[in-house]
């Protein structure tokens, strides 16, 4: 009897500890490359450390945080970033959902269409920026070449600040819609068919089925997509640098590019760390607020 108790206790212990053993490599990697650098960054944000004073820097309290409120360039970059989030997130959300709804229908060659829509996701952000720079660039770009062949004058797509800003939005939407489409497709395929059958029996048309069955059933997926898109847009950097370089006239300079330049061009690591902490707070607050308002993605 005692032996059975020991065997059972050993089994319960292994059942509890083995999952954590499997998680250990990922937890170590996450801690070393995410948690530890984040904590170091928070500490550096209260110092005057530069790339050349890591062995002799001093703490300066909230000096970096006070400085950023008087930094016109940072405020402009933050405003550009918030504006980009407000414009891009809804567009990606709607387009990825619409494409997903289309691709769950009984279409011929559905797999081919899914691959076509997902294809831009597999391209590096830097390559995406270069591709759209070739398409939208001045007189020799494909877009303006087509306009001129139609007798329409060329448009300064990457020179005019307004056109350049919307060019960035379009390039981001083109390159990222396919990724979030896959999330919505998976969520749509998980909705029980019995719900639609019940709605049809009640006389619901296609729009009513979407409103009362499909959309509410996607609550968890909608929350995930919203948070992921928001975080991704706040971190936008490679595509913008290769497409516009932050110009013209800083119209497309966003916070990550400014933080990079402060750290690796102006060598102000402490100040760049403070800017990173503020950006992290923005993303956390927005994501947390949406999580709270949606009750954690609970469908009920």
C-alpha atoms as a PDB file:
ATOM      1  CA  UNK A   1       0.000   0.000   0.000  1.00  0.00           C
ATOM      2  CA  UNK A   2       2.829   2.347   0.923  1.00  0.00           C
ATOM      3  CA  UNK A   3       4.570   1.546  -2.364  1.00  0.00           C
ATOM      4  CA  UNK A   4       1.397   2.414  -4.306  1.00  0.00           C
ATOM      5  CA  UNK A   5       1.154   5.766  -2.485  1.00  0.00           C
ATOM      6  CA  UNK A   6       4.784   6.552  -3.348  1.00  0.00           C
ATOM      7  CA  UNK A   7       4.215   5.555  -6.980  1.00  0.00           C
ATOM      8  CA  UNK A   8       1.101   7.739  -7.152  1.00  0.00           C
ATOM      9  CA  UNK A   9       2.900  10.662  -5.475  1.00  0.00           C
ATOM     10  CA  UNK A  10       5.815  10.264  -7.903  1.00  0.00           C
ATOM     11  CA  UNK A  11       3.389  10.216 -10.826  1.00  0.00           C
ATOM     12  CA  UNK A  12       1.617  13.405  -9.637  1.00  0.00           C
ATOM     13  CA  UNK A  13       4.968  15.111  -9.087  1.00  0.00           C
ATOM     14  CA  UNK A  14       6.147  14.226 -12.607  1.00  0.00           C
ATOM     15  CA  UNK A  15       2.804  15.327 -14.021  1.00  0.00           C
ATOM     16  CA  UNK A  16       3.284  18.764 -12.445  1.00  0.00           C
ATOM     17  CA  UNK A  17       7.005  19.256 -13.086  1.00  0.00           C
ATOM     18  CA  UNK A  18       7.482  17.796 -16.598  1.00  0.00           C
ATOM     19  CA  UNK A  19       5.453  20.502 -18.423  1.00  0.00           C
ATOM     20  CA  UNK A  20       7.653  23.157 -16.823  1.00  0.00           C
ATOM     21  CA  UNK A  21      10.769  21.278 -17.942  1.00  0.00           C
ATOM     22  CA  UNK A  22       9.538  21.419 -21.530  1.00  0.00           C
ATOM     23  CA  UNK A  23       8.836  25.144 -21.133  1.00  0.00           C
ATOM     24  CA  UNK A  24      12.261  25.881 -19.642  1.00  0.00           C
ATOM     25  CA  UNK A  25      14.150  26.437 -22.952  1.00  0.00           C
ATOM     26  CA  UNK A  26      11.523  28.906 -24.196  1.00  0.00           C
ATOM     27  CA  UNK A  27      11.364  30.643 -20.819  1.00  0.00           C
ATOM     28  CA  UNK A  28      15.165  30.992 -20.797  1.00  0.00           C
ATOM     29  CA  UNK A  29      15.225  32.407 -24.326  1.00  0.00           C
ATOM     30  CA  UNK A  30      12.342  34.776 -23.535  1.00  0.00           C
ATOM     31  CA  UNK A  31      14.032  35.922 -20.325  1.00  0.00           C
ATOM     32  CA  UNK A  32      17.470  36.412 -21.888  1.00  0.00           C
ATOM     33  CA  UNK A  33      16.345  38.201 -25.052  1.00  0.00           C
ATOM     34  CA  UNK A  34      13.129  39.957 -23.912  1.00  0.00           C
ATOM     35  CA  UNK A  35      12.742  40.342 -20.126  1.00  0.00           C
ATOM     36  CA  UNK A  36      16.375  41.071 -19.233  1.00  0.00           C
ATOM     37  CA  UNK A  37      16.950  43.639 -22.043  1.00  0.00           C
ATOM     38  CA  UNK A  38      13.637  45.322 -21.143  1.00  0.00           C
ATOM     39  CA  UNK A  39      14.682  45.677 -17.509  1.00  0.00           C
ATOM     40  CA  UNK A  40      18.104  46.989 -18.553  1.00  0.00           C
ATOM     41  CA  UNK A  41      16.398  49.464 -20.886  1.00  0.00           C
ATOM     42  CA  UNK A  42      14.161  50.741 -18.077  1.00  0.00           C
ATOM     43  CA  UNK A  43      17.228  51.210 -15.875  1.00  0.00           C
ATOM     44  CA  UNK A  44      19.156  53.004 -18.645  1.00  0.00           C
ATOM     45  CA  UNK A  45      16.201  55.356 -19.143  1.00  0.00           C
ATOM     46  CA  UNK A  46      17.107  56.950 -15.794  1.00  0.00           C
ATOM     47  CA  UNK A  47      20.752  57.491 -16.777  1.00  0.00           C
ATOM     48  CA  UNK A  48      22.828  59.605 -19.158  1.00  0.00           C
ATOM     49  CA  UNK A  49      24.492  56.554 -20.713  1.00  0.00           C
ATOM     50  CA  UNK A  50      25.772  56.817 -24.288  1.00  0.00           C
ATOM     51  CA  UNK A  51      27.398  54.285 -26.595  1.00  0.00           C
ATOM     52  CA  UNK A  52      30.789  55.438 -25.289  1.00  0.00           C
ATOM     53  CA  UNK A  53      30.079  55.768 -21.526  1.00  0.00           C
ATOM     54  CA  UNK A  54      28.814  52.338 -20.499  1.00  0.00           C
ATOM     55  CA  UNK A  55      31.605  52.138 -17.924  1.00  0.00           C
ATOM     56  CA  UNK A  56      31.207  55.645 -16.472  1.00  0.00           C
ATOM     57  CA  UNK A  57      27.586  56.790 -16.728  1.00  0.00           C
ATOM     58  CA  UNK A  58      25.500  58.308 -13.940  1.00  0.00           C
ATOM     59  CA  UNK A  59      21.832  58.319 -13.062  1.00  0.00           C
ATOM     60  CA  UNK A  60      19.911  61.487 -13.841  1.00  0.00           C
ATOM     61  CA  UNK A  61      16.473  60.720 -12.420  1.00  0.00           C
ATOM     62  CA  UNK A  62      13.578  61.736 -14.674  1.00  0.00           C
ATOM     63  CA  UNK A  63      15.678  64.090 -16.781  1.00  0.00           C
ATOM     64  CA  UNK A  64      15.226  62.021 -19.952  1.00  0.00           C
ATOM     65  CA  UNK A  65      11.454  61.868 -19.466  1.00  0.00           C
ATOM     66  CA  UNK A  66      11.244  65.626 -18.915  1.00  0.00           C
ATOM     67  CA  UNK A  67      13.408  66.206 -21.979  1.00  0.00           C
ATOM     68  CA  UNK A  68      11.108  64.305 -24.317  1.00  0.00           C
ATOM     69  CA  UNK A  69       8.145  66.589 -23.547  1.00  0.00           C
ATOM     70  CA  UNK A  70      10.222  69.491 -24.898  1.00  0.00           C
ATOM     71  CA  UNK A  71      11.481  67.510 -27.880  1.00  0.00           C
ATOM     72  CA  UNK A  72       9.461  68.768 -30.842  1.00  0.00           C
ATOM     73  CA  UNK A  73      10.825  66.099 -33.161  1.00  0.00           C
ATOM     74  CA  UNK A  74       9.806  63.276 -30.808  1.00  0.00           C
ATOM     75  CA  UNK A  75       6.328  64.747 -30.335  1.00  0.00           C
ATOM     76  CA  UNK A  76       5.936  65.000 -34.124  1.00  0.00           C
ATOM     77  CA  UNK A  77       7.136  61.391 -34.570  1.00  0.00           C
ATOM     78  CA  UNK A  78       4.762  60.188 -31.845  1.00  0.00           C
ATOM     79  CA  UNK A  79       1.880  62.073 -33.452  1.00  0.00           C
ATOM     80  CA  UNK A  80       2.739  60.495 -36.817  1.00  0.00           C
ATOM     81  CA  UNK A  81       2.796  57.056 -35.192  1.00  0.00           C
ATOM     82  CA  UNK A  82      -0.571  57.500 -33.459  1.00  0.00           C
ATOM     83  CA  UNK A  83      -2.042  58.800 -36.713  1.00  0.00           C
ATOM     84  CA  UNK A  84      -0.620  55.775 -38.550  1.00  0.00           C
ATOM     85  CA  UNK A  85      -2.134  53.407 -35.970  1.00  0.00           C
ATOM     86  CA  UNK A  86      -5.543  55.100 -36.200  1.00  0.00           C
ATOM     87  CA  UNK A  87      -5.501  54.863 -40.009  1.00  0.00           C
ATOM     88  CA  UNK A  88      -3.870  51.479 -40.569  1.00  0.00           C
ATOM     89  CA  UNK A  89      -5.354  49.283 -37.831  1.00  0.00           C
ATOM     90  CA  UNK A  90      -9.016  49.673 -38.952  1.00  0.00           C
ATOM     91  CA  UNK A  91      -8.081  49.201 -42.625  1.00  0.00           C
ATOM     92  CA  UNK A  92      -6.088  46.013 -41.959  1.00  0.00           C
ATOM     93  CA  UNK A  93      -8.821  44.753 -39.633  1.00  0.00           C
ATOM     94  CA  UNK A  94     -11.607  45.263 -42.187  1.00  0.00           C
ATOM     95  CA  UNK A  95      -9.697  44.082 -45.255  1.00  0.00           C
ATOM     96  CA  UNK A  96      -8.352  40.936 -43.566  1.00  0.00           C
ATOM     97  CA  UNK A  97     -11.832  40.077 -42.286  1.00  0.00           C
ATOM     98  CA  UNK A  98     -13.462  40.666 -45.699  1.00  0.00           C
ATOM     99  CA  UNK A  99     -10.838  38.556 -47.485  1.00  0.00           C
ATOM    100  CA  UNK A 100     -11.228  35.811 -44.876  1.00  0.00           C
ATOM    101  CA  UNK A 101     -15.012  35.818 -45.353  1.00  0.00           C
ATOM    102  CA  UNK A 102     -14.487  35.488 -49.092  1.00  0.00           C
ATOM    103  CA  UNK A 103     -11.987  32.649 -48.780  1.00  0.00           C
ATOM    104  CA  UNK A 104     -14.155  30.458 -46.535  1.00  0.00           C
ATOM    105  CA  UNK A 105     -16.821  30.354 -49.221  1.00  0.00           C
ATOM    106  CA  UNK A 106     -17.033  27.268 -51.486  1.00  0.00           C
ATOM    107  CA  UNK A 107     -14.886  28.786 -54.240  1.00  0.00           C
ATOM    108  CA  UNK A 108     -12.934  26.959 -56.908  1.00  0.00           C
ATOM    109  CA  UNK A 109      -9.137  27.187 -56.442  1.00  0.00           C
ATOM    110  CA  UNK A 110      -9.680  28.546 -52.933  1.00  0.00           C
ATOM    111  CA  UNK A 111      -6.241  27.329 -51.833  1.00  0.00           C
ATOM    112  CA  UNK A 112      -4.598  29.251 -54.674  1.00  0.00           C
ATOM    113  CA  UNK A 113      -6.335  32.478 -53.665  1.00  0.00           C
ATOM    114  CA  UNK A 114      -5.291  31.988 -50.043  1.00  0.00           C
ATOM    115  CA  UNK A 115      -1.683  31.554 -51.147  1.00  0.00           C
ATOM    116  CA  UNK A 116      -1.864  34.689 -53.319  1.00  0.00           C
ATOM    117  CA  UNK A 117      -3.251  36.814 -50.491  1.00  0.00           C
ATOM    118  CA  UNK A 118      -0.706  35.410 -48.033  1.00  0.00           C
ATOM    119  CA  UNK A 119       2.267  35.790 -50.382  1.00  0.00           C
ATOM    120  CA  UNK A 120       3.167  39.425 -49.408  1.00  0.00           C
ATOM    121  CA  UNK A 121       3.535  38.317 -45.764  1.00  0.00           C
ATOM    122  CA  UNK A 122       6.482  36.117 -46.714  1.00  0.00           C
ATOM    123  CA  UNK A 123       8.413  39.052 -48.194  1.00  0.00           C
ATOM    124  CA  UNK A 124      10.846  40.898 -45.940  1.00  0.00           C
ATOM    125  CA  UNK A 125       9.646  44.354 -44.846  1.00  0.00           C
ATOM    126  CA  UNK A 126      12.796  45.862 -46.364  1.00  0.00           C
ATOM    127  CA  UNK A 127      12.062  44.204 -49.708  1.00  0.00           C
ATOM    128  CA  UNK A 128       8.440  45.406 -49.527  1.00  0.00           C
ATOM    129  CA  UNK A 129       9.701  48.964 -49.035  1.00  0.00           C
ATOM    130  CA  UNK A 130      12.054  48.666 -52.018  1.00  0.00           C
ATOM    131  CA  UNK A 131       9.318  47.166 -54.230  1.00  0.00           C
ATOM    132  CA  UNK A 132       6.868  49.976 -53.485  1.00  0.00           C
ATOM    133  CA  UNK A 133       9.609  52.586 -53.864  1.00  0.00           C
ATOM    134  CA  UNK A 134      10.184  51.303 -57.406  1.00  0.00           C
ATOM    135  CA  UNK A 135       6.447  51.350 -58.070  1.00  0.00           C
ATOM    136  CA  UNK A 136       5.726  54.796 -56.599  1.00  0.00           C
ATOM    137  CA  UNK A 137       8.998  56.645 -57.253  1.00  0.00           C
ATOM    138  CA  UNK A 138       8.970  59.918 -59.231  1.00  0.00           C
ATOM    139  CA  UNK A 139       9.016  59.886 -63.006  1.00  0.00           C
ATOM    140  CA  UNK A 140      10.473  56.401 -63.492  1.00  0.00           C
ATOM    141  CA  UNK A 141       8.142  54.536 -61.102  1.00  0.00           C
ATOM    142  CA  UNK A 142       5.642  52.059 -62.533  1.00  0.00           C
ATOM    143  CA  UNK A 143       2.655  53.970 -61.107  1.00  0.00           C
ATOM    144  CA  UNK A 144       3.591  57.286 -62.727  1.00  0.00           C
ATOM    145  CA  UNK A 145       4.632  55.551 -65.949  1.00  0.00           C
ATOM    146  CA  UNK A 146       1.107  54.130 -66.244  1.00  0.00           C
ATOM    147  CA  UNK A 147      -0.441  57.527 -65.453  1.00  0.00           C
ATOM    148  CA  UNK A 148       1.649  59.216 -68.141  1.00  0.00           C
ATOM    149  CA  UNK A 149       0.735  56.542 -70.691  1.00  0.00           C
ATOM    150  CA  UNK A 150      -2.919  57.339 -69.966  1.00  0.00           C
ATOM    151  CA  UNK A 151      -2.292  61.044 -70.516  1.00  0.00           C
ATOM    152  CA  UNK A 152      -2.449  61.880 -66.813  1.00  0.00           C
ATOM    153  CA  UNK A 153       0.359  63.876 -65.237  1.00  0.00           C
ATOM    154  CA  UNK A 154       2.766  62.268 -62.802  1.00  0.00           C
ATOM    155  CA  UNK A 155       2.001  62.450 -59.074  1.00  0.00           C
ATOM    156  CA  UNK A 156       4.755  63.188 -56.561  1.00  0.00           C
ATOM    157  CA  UNK A 157       3.825  60.157 -54.474  1.00  0.00           C
ATOM    158  CA  UNK A 158       7.004  60.060 -52.375  1.00  0.00           C
ATOM    159  CA  UNK A 159       7.820  63.776 -52.464  1.00  0.00           C
ATOM    160  CA  UNK A 160       4.486  65.240 -51.415  1.00  0.00           C
ATOM    161  CA  UNK A 161       4.074  64.666 -47.614  1.00  0.00           C
ATOM    162  CA  UNK A 162       0.401  63.689 -47.859  1.00  0.00           C
ATOM    163  CA  UNK A 163       0.910  61.248 -50.721  1.00  0.00           C
ATOM    164  CA  UNK A 164       4.009  59.799 -49.030  1.00  0.00           C
ATOM    165  CA  UNK A 165       2.112  59.199 -45.786  1.00  0.00           C
ATOM    166  CA  UNK A 166      -0.720  57.376 -47.543  1.00  0.00           C
ATOM    167  CA  UNK A 167       1.831  55.424 -49.585  1.00  0.00           C
ATOM    168  CA  UNK A 168       3.218  54.078 -46.311  1.00  0.00           C
ATOM    169  CA  UNK A 169      -0.292  53.154 -45.152  1.00  0.00           C
ATOM    170  CA  UNK A 170      -1.035  51.364 -48.431  1.00  0.00           C
ATOM    171  CA  UNK A 171       2.268  49.441 -48.390  1.00  0.00           C
ATOM    172  CA  UNK A 172       1.705  48.277 -44.806  1.00  0.00           C
ATOM    173  CA  UNK A 173      -1.870  47.181 -45.537  1.00  0.00           C
ATOM    174  CA  UNK A 174      -0.749  45.339 -48.694  1.00  0.00           C
ATOM    175  CA  UNK A 175       2.026  43.482 -46.879  1.00  0.00           C
ATOM    176  CA  UNK A 176       0.225  42.574 -43.637  1.00  0.00           C
ATOM    177  CA  UNK A 177      -3.417  41.880 -44.531  1.00  0.00           C
ATOM    178  CA  UNK A 178      -2.655  38.263 -45.465  1.00  0.00           C
ATOM    179  CA  UNK A 179      -1.230  37.443 -42.046  1.00  0.00           C
ATOM    180  CA  UNK A 180      -4.331  38.520 -40.158  1.00  0.00           C
ATOM    181  CA  UNK A 181      -6.551  36.997 -42.837  1.00  0.00           C
ATOM    182  CA  UNK A 182      -5.218  33.576 -41.758  1.00  0.00           C
ATOM    183  CA  UNK A 183      -6.244  34.252 -38.145  1.00  0.00           C
ATOM    184  CA  UNK A 184      -9.753  35.177 -39.226  1.00  0.00           C
ATOM    185  CA  UNK A 185     -10.000  32.181 -41.571  1.00  0.00           C
ATOM    186  CA  UNK A 186      -9.105  29.840 -38.699  1.00  0.00           C
ATOM    187  CA  UNK A 187     -11.670  31.522 -36.447  1.00  0.00           C
ATOM    188  CA  UNK A 188     -14.387  31.408 -39.120  1.00  0.00           C
ATOM    189  CA  UNK A 189     -13.834  27.695 -39.751  1.00  0.00           C
ATOM    190  CA  UNK A 190     -14.211  26.994 -36.031  1.00  0.00           C
ATOM    191  CA  UNK A 191     -17.757  28.424 -35.853  1.00  0.00           C
ATOM    192  CA  UNK A 192     -20.234  25.516 -35.539  1.00  0.00           C
ATOM    193  CA  UNK A 193     -22.394  25.061 -38.622  1.00  0.00           C
ATOM    194  CA  UNK A 194     -25.369  24.412 -36.327  1.00  0.00           C
ATOM    195  CA  UNK A 195     -25.460  28.124 -35.444  1.00  0.00           C
ATOM    196  CA  UNK A 196     -25.996  29.050 -39.083  1.00  0.00           C
ATOM    197  CA  UNK A 197     -28.600  26.345 -39.513  1.00  0.00           C
ATOM    198  CA  UNK A 198     -30.515  27.694 -36.512  1.00  0.00           C
ATOM    199  CA  UNK A 199     -30.263  31.234 -37.906  1.00  0.00           C
ATOM    200  CA  UNK A 200     -31.618  30.071 -41.284  1.00  0.00           C
ATOM    201  CA  UNK A 201     -34.542  28.354 -39.589  1.00  0.00           C
ATOM    202  CA  UNK A 202     -35.307  31.660 -37.847  1.00  0.00           C
ATOM    203  CA  UNK A 203     -35.365  33.352 -41.256  1.00  0.00           C
ATOM    204  CA  UNK A 204     -32.068  35.246 -40.978  1.00  0.00           C
ATOM    205  CA  UNK A 205     -30.568  36.490 -44.249  1.00  0.00           C
ATOM    206  CA  UNK A 206     -26.826  36.588 -45.008  1.00  0.00           C
ATOM    207  CA  UNK A 207     -26.288  39.984 -43.403  1.00  0.00           C
ATOM    208  CA  UNK A 208     -28.210  38.990 -40.269  1.00  0.00           C
ATOM    209  CA  UNK A 209     -26.229  35.755 -40.048  1.00  0.00           C
ATOM    210  CA  UNK A 210     -23.020  37.791 -40.143  1.00  0.00           C
ATOM    211  CA  UNK A 211     -24.304  40.308 -37.590  1.00  0.00           C
ATOM    212  CA  UNK A 212     -25.749  37.895 -35.058  1.00  0.00           C
ATOM    213  CA  UNK A 213     -23.659  34.727 -35.579  1.00  0.00           C
ATOM    214  CA  UNK A 214     -20.369  35.346 -37.364  1.00  0.00           C
ATOM    215  CA  UNK A 215     -19.226  38.660 -35.888  1.00  0.00           C
ATOM    216  CA  UNK A 216     -20.002  37.824 -32.215  1.00  0.00           C
ATOM    217  CA  UNK A 217     -18.309  34.420 -32.620  1.00  0.00           C
ATOM    218  CA  UNK A 218     -15.114  36.177 -33.759  1.00  0.00           C
ATOM    219  CA  UNK A 219     -14.709  38.151 -30.544  1.00  0.00           C
ATOM    220  CA  UNK A 220     -11.521  36.384 -29.414  1.00  0.00           C
ATOM    221  CA  UNK A 221     -10.003  36.573 -32.903  1.00  0.00           C
ATOM    222  CA  UNK A 222     -10.940  40.245 -33.183  1.00  0.00           C
ATOM    223  CA  UNK A 223      -9.203  40.990 -29.896  1.00  0.00           C
ATOM    224  CA  UNK A 224      -6.082  39.117 -30.972  1.00  0.00           C
ATOM    225  CA  UNK A 225      -5.943  40.838 -34.353  1.00  0.00           C
ATOM    226  CA  UNK A 226      -6.470  44.277 -32.852  1.00  0.00           C
ATOM    227  CA  UNK A 227      -3.688  43.847 -30.290  1.00  0.00           C
ATOM    228  CA  UNK A 228      -1.232  42.285 -32.749  1.00  0.00           C
ATOM    229  CA  UNK A 229      -1.839  44.907 -35.446  1.00  0.00           C
ATOM    230  CA  UNK A 230      -1.523  47.762 -32.947  1.00  0.00           C
ATOM    231  CA  UNK A 231       1.765  46.429 -31.601  1.00  0.00           C
ATOM    232  CA  UNK A 232       3.100  45.857 -35.102  1.00  0.00           C
ATOM    233  CA  UNK A 233       2.222  49.340 -36.360  1.00  0.00           C
ATOM    234  CA  UNK A 234       3.816  50.973 -33.309  1.00  0.00           C
ATOM    235  CA  UNK A 235       7.019  49.078 -34.178  1.00  0.00           C
ATOM    236  CA  UNK A 236       6.980  49.996 -37.893  1.00  0.00           C
ATOM    237  CA  UNK A 237      10.515  50.726 -39.073  1.00  0.00           C
ATOM    238  CA  UNK A 238      12.207  48.737 -41.904  1.00  0.00           C
ATOM    239  CA  UNK A 239       9.456  49.219 -44.493  1.00  0.00           C
ATOM    240  CA  UNK A 240       9.225  52.964 -43.851  1.00  0.00           C
ATOM    241  CA  UNK A 241      12.996  53.513 -43.880  1.00  0.00           C
ATOM    242  CA  UNK A 242      13.382  51.803 -47.252  1.00  0.00           C
ATOM    243  CA  UNK A 243      10.255  53.381 -48.753  1.00  0.00           C
ATOM    244  CA  UNK A 244      10.485  57.026 -47.642  1.00  0.00           C
ATOM    245  CA  UNK A 245      13.417  57.244 -45.224  1.00  0.00           C
ATOM    246  CA  UNK A 246      11.166  59.168 -42.855  1.00  0.00           C
ATOM    247  CA  UNK A 247      10.611  61.972 -45.355  1.00  0.00           C
ATOM    248  CA  UNK A 248       9.639  64.125 -46.965  1.00  0.00           C
ATOM    249  CA  UNK A 249      10.110  66.804 -44.310  1.00  0.00           C
ATOM    250  CA  UNK A 250       9.815  64.145 -41.527  1.00  0.00           C
ATOM    251  CA  UNK A 251       6.190  63.494 -42.582  1.00  0.00           C
ATOM    252  CA  UNK A 252       6.721  59.730 -42.301  1.00  0.00           C
ATOM    253  CA  UNK A 253       9.184  59.661 -39.417  1.00  0.00           C
ATOM    254  CA  UNK A 254       7.776  57.417 -36.678  1.00  0.00           C
ATOM    255  CA  UNK A 255       8.865  56.753 -33.118  1.00  0.00           C
ATOM    256  CA  UNK A 256      10.969  53.629 -33.744  1.00  0.00           C
ATOM    257  CA  UNK A 257      13.032  55.404 -36.401  1.00  0.00           C
ATOM    258  CA  UNK A 258      13.570  58.363 -34.068  1.00  0.00           C
ATOM    259  CA  UNK A 259      14.544  56.048 -31.196  1.00  0.00           C
ATOM    260  CA  UNK A 260      17.016  54.242 -33.469  1.00  0.00           C
ATOM    261  CA  UNK A 261      18.610  57.515 -34.541  1.00  0.00           C
ATOM    262  CA  UNK A 262      18.890  58.737 -30.955  1.00  0.00           C
ATOM    263  CA  UNK A 263      20.598  55.499 -29.887  1.00  0.00           C
ATOM    264  CA  UNK A 264      22.868  54.704 -32.845  1.00  0.00           C
ATOM    265  CA  UNK A 265      23.396  58.029 -34.613  1.00  0.00           C
ATOM    266  CA  UNK A 266      23.310  60.507 -31.742  1.00  0.00           C
ATOM    267  CA  UNK A 267      24.590  57.819 -29.291  1.00  0.00           C
ATOM    268  CA  UNK A 268      22.097  58.897 -26.576  1.00  0.00           C
ATOM    269  CA  UNK A 269      21.261  55.414 -25.285  1.00  0.00           C
ATOM    270  CA  UNK A 270      19.717  56.677 -22.032  1.00  0.00           C
ATOM    271  CA  UNK A 271      17.362  59.042 -23.818  1.00  0.00           C
ATOM    272  CA  UNK A 272      16.492  56.421 -26.450  1.00  0.00           C
ATOM    273  CA  UNK A 273      15.695  53.966 -23.636  1.00  0.00           C
ATOM    274  CA  UNK A 274      13.303  56.487 -22.070  1.00  0.00           C
ATOM    275  CA  UNK A 275      11.578  56.946 -25.431  1.00  0.00           C
ATOM    276  CA  UNK A 276      11.257  53.160 -25.744  1.00  0.00           C
ATOM    277  CA  UNK A 277       9.685  52.904 -22.296  1.00  0.00           C
ATOM    278  CA  UNK A 278       7.094  55.538 -23.215  1.00  0.00           C
ATOM    279  CA  UNK A 279       6.259  53.707 -26.448  1.00  0.00           C
ATOM    280  CA  UNK A 280       5.926  50.457 -24.499  1.00  0.00           C
ATOM    281  CA  UNK A 281       3.487  52.165 -22.130  1.00  0.00           C
ATOM    282  CA  UNK A 282       1.399  53.390 -25.074  1.00  0.00           C
ATOM    283  CA  UNK A 283       1.114  49.894 -26.531  1.00  0.00           C
ATOM    284  CA  UNK A 284       0.384  48.346 -23.122  1.00  0.00           C
ATOM    285  CA  UNK A 285      -2.335  50.877 -22.294  1.00  0.00           C
ATOM    286  CA  UNK A 286      -4.061  50.539 -25.684  1.00  0.00           C
ATOM    287  CA  UNK A 287      -3.908  46.732 -25.606  1.00  0.00           C
ATOM    288  CA  UNK A 288      -5.022  46.580 -21.969  1.00  0.00           C
ATOM    289  CA  UNK A 289      -7.916  48.957 -22.599  1.00  0.00           C
ATOM    290  CA  UNK A 290      -9.164  46.910 -25.525  1.00  0.00           C
ATOM    291  CA  UNK A 291      -8.741  43.685 -23.511  1.00  0.00           C
ATOM    292  CA  UNK A 292     -10.770  45.211 -20.662  1.00  0.00           C
ATOM    293  CA  UNK A 293     -13.529  46.562 -22.907  1.00  0.00           C
ATOM    294  CA  UNK A 294     -13.880  43.199 -24.664  1.00  0.00           C
ATOM    295  CA  UNK A 295     -13.828  41.333 -21.309  1.00  0.00           C
ATOM    296  CA  UNK A 296     -10.756  39.385 -22.305  1.00  0.00           C
ATOM    297  CA  UNK A 297     -12.173  38.282 -25.633  1.00  0.00           C
ATOM    298  CA  UNK A 298     -14.955  36.340 -23.920  1.00  0.00           C
ATOM    299  CA  UNK A 299     -17.648  35.536 -26.426  1.00  0.00           C
ATOM    300  CA  UNK A 300     -20.371  35.574 -23.812  1.00  0.00           C
END
